[in-house]
């Protein structure tokens, strides 16, 4: 059976590579955010059922702060290099 030339996919170029990787500051901030998320979940494991101890009050802030730090770290631009002094 002959192939229909109208239904064949044409050769397309590959999608472009990402423009730039994570900046060093972004990697540090995303890593710190990941550590905050892990600390928040560990602290959440010590919360009581009614949520009336310190672990239940602090862990949501650690979790939200950690996820926010990861998000900011992903989009943080690199520091521009300083111009040489004359």
C-alpha atoms as a PDB file:
ATOM      1  CA  UNK A   1       0.000   0.000   0.000  1.00  0.00           C
ATOM      2  CA  UNK A   2       1.378   3.401  -0.939  1.00  0.00           C
ATOM      3  CA  UNK A   3       1.892   6.006   1.766  1.00  0.00           C
ATOM      4  CA  UNK A   4      -0.136   9.157   1.561  1.00  0.00           C
ATOM      5  CA  UNK A   5       2.340  12.022   1.305  1.00  0.00           C
ATOM      6  CA  UNK A   6      -0.101  14.456   2.904  1.00  0.00           C
ATOM      7  CA  UNK A   7      -0.201  12.554   6.195  1.00  0.00           C
ATOM      8  CA  UNK A   8       3.545  12.053   6.536  1.00  0.00           C
ATOM      9  CA  UNK A   9       5.241  14.344   9.041  1.00  0.00           C
ATOM     10  CA  UNK A  10       7.773  16.672   7.589  1.00  0.00           C
ATOM     11  CA  UNK A  11      11.218  16.891   9.140  1.00  0.00           C
ATOM     12  CA  UNK A  12      11.090  19.496  11.852  1.00  0.00           C
ATOM     13  CA  UNK A  13      14.068  21.065  13.586  1.00  0.00           C
ATOM     14  CA  UNK A  14      14.687  20.052  17.175  1.00  0.00           C
ATOM     15  CA  UNK A  15      13.320  22.379  19.858  1.00  0.00           C
ATOM     16  CA  UNK A  16      15.823  24.932  21.145  1.00  0.00           C
ATOM     17  CA  UNK A  17      17.869  24.135  24.224  1.00  0.00           C
ATOM     18  CA  UNK A  18      17.129  26.040  27.447  1.00  0.00           C
ATOM     19  CA  UNK A  19      18.539  29.530  27.266  1.00  0.00           C
ATOM     20  CA  UNK A  20      20.518  29.400  30.496  1.00  0.00           C
ATOM     21  CA  UNK A  21      20.923  27.000  33.415  1.00  0.00           C
ATOM     22  CA  UNK A  22      20.265  27.869  37.035  1.00  0.00           C
ATOM     23  CA  UNK A  23      22.448  30.628  38.398  1.00  0.00           C
ATOM     24  CA  UNK A  24      24.720  29.832  41.351  1.00  0.00           C
ATOM     25  CA  UNK A  25      22.534  31.994  43.606  1.00  0.00           C
ATOM     26  CA  UNK A  26      19.465  30.178  42.322  1.00  0.00           C
ATOM     27  CA  UNK A  27      20.990  26.789  43.079  1.00  0.00           C
ATOM     28  CA  UNK A  28      21.798  27.849  46.636  1.00  0.00           C
ATOM     29  CA  UNK A  29      18.335  29.309  47.182  1.00  0.00           C
ATOM     30  CA  UNK A  30      16.578  26.271  45.703  1.00  0.00           C
ATOM     31  CA  UNK A  31      18.727  23.971  47.857  1.00  0.00           C
ATOM     32  CA  UNK A  32      17.927  25.986  50.971  1.00  0.00           C
ATOM     33  CA  UNK A  33      14.257  25.866  50.038  1.00  0.00           C
ATOM     34  CA  UNK A  34      14.445  22.099  49.688  1.00  0.00           C
ATOM     35  CA  UNK A  35      16.030  21.874  53.124  1.00  0.00           C
ATOM     36  CA  UNK A  36      13.222  24.028  54.554  1.00  0.00           C
ATOM     37  CA  UNK A  37      10.592  21.766  52.973  1.00  0.00           C
ATOM     38  CA  UNK A  38      12.239  18.664  54.436  1.00  0.00           C
ATOM     39  CA  UNK A  39      12.507  20.360  57.843  1.00  0.00           C
ATOM     40  CA  UNK A  40       8.844  21.365  57.624  1.00  0.00           C
ATOM     41  CA  UNK A  41       7.717  17.795  56.940  1.00  0.00           C
ATOM     42  CA  UNK A  42       9.930  16.409  59.713  1.00  0.00           C
ATOM     43  CA  UNK A  43       8.539  18.992  62.124  1.00  0.00           C
ATOM     44  CA  UNK A  44       5.007  18.239  60.923  1.00  0.00           C
ATOM     45  CA  UNK A  45       5.460  14.619  61.961  1.00  0.00           C
ATOM     46  CA  UNK A  46       5.712  15.828  65.593  1.00  0.00           C
ATOM     47  CA  UNK A  47       2.441  17.793  65.471  1.00  0.00           C
ATOM     48  CA  UNK A  48      -0.422  16.584  67.648  1.00  0.00           C
ATOM     49  CA  UNK A  49      -3.868  15.736  66.288  1.00  0.00           C
ATOM     50  CA  UNK A  50      -5.482  18.978  67.460  1.00  0.00           C
ATOM     51  CA  UNK A  51      -2.640  21.107  66.094  1.00  0.00           C
ATOM     52  CA  UNK A  52      -2.026  22.905  69.352  1.00  0.00           C
ATOM     53  CA  UNK A  53       1.701  22.456  69.795  1.00  0.00           C
ATOM     54  CA  UNK A  54       4.597  24.460  68.408  1.00  0.00           C
ATOM     55  CA  UNK A  55       5.353  21.945  65.651  1.00  0.00           C
ATOM     56  CA  UNK A  56       1.841  22.308  64.234  1.00  0.00           C
ATOM     57  CA  UNK A  57       2.131  26.096  64.247  1.00  0.00           C
ATOM     58  CA  UNK A  58       5.617  26.404  62.714  1.00  0.00           C
ATOM     59  CA  UNK A  59       5.673  23.616  60.115  1.00  0.00           C
ATOM     60  CA  UNK A  60       3.194  25.228  57.644  1.00  0.00           C
ATOM     61  CA  UNK A  61       5.360  28.351  57.499  1.00  0.00           C
ATOM     62  CA  UNK A  62       8.469  26.267  56.843  1.00  0.00           C
ATOM     63  CA  UNK A  63       6.698  24.364  54.066  1.00  0.00           C
ATOM     64  CA  UNK A  64       5.307  27.456  52.334  1.00  0.00           C
ATOM     65  CA  UNK A  65       8.570  29.354  52.781  1.00  0.00           C
ATOM     66  CA  UNK A  66      10.556  26.438  51.392  1.00  0.00           C
ATOM     67  CA  UNK A  67       8.365  26.094  48.316  1.00  0.00           C
ATOM     68  CA  UNK A  68       8.525  29.852  47.761  1.00  0.00           C
ATOM     69  CA  UNK A  69      12.326  29.796  48.028  1.00  0.00           C
ATOM     70  CA  UNK A  70      12.497  27.007  45.445  1.00  0.00           C
ATOM     71  CA  UNK A  71      10.278  29.012  43.081  1.00  0.00           C
ATOM     72  CA  UNK A  72      12.345  32.170  43.479  1.00  0.00           C
ATOM     73  CA  UNK A  73      15.571  30.187  43.070  1.00  0.00           C
ATOM     74  CA  UNK A  74      14.391  28.781  39.738  1.00  0.00           C
ATOM     75  CA  UNK A  75      13.835  32.236  38.262  1.00  0.00           C
ATOM     76  CA  UNK A  76      16.631  34.172  39.964  1.00  0.00           C
ATOM     77  CA  UNK A  77      18.893  35.749  37.336  1.00  0.00           C
ATOM     78  CA  UNK A  78      22.666  35.434  37.639  1.00  0.00           C
ATOM     79  CA  UNK A  79      24.649  38.263  39.167  1.00  0.00           C
ATOM     80  CA  UNK A  80      26.165  40.436  36.443  1.00  0.00           C
ATOM     81  CA  UNK A  81      29.973  40.599  36.614  1.00  0.00           C
ATOM     82  CA  UNK A  82      31.465  43.739  38.095  1.00  0.00           C
ATOM     83  CA  UNK A  83      33.215  46.038  35.604  1.00  0.00           C
ATOM     84  CA  UNK A  84      36.986  46.228  36.068  1.00  0.00           C
ATOM     85  CA  UNK A  85      38.083  49.243  38.097  1.00  0.00           C
ATOM     86  CA  UNK A  86      40.265  51.780  36.367  1.00  0.00           C
END
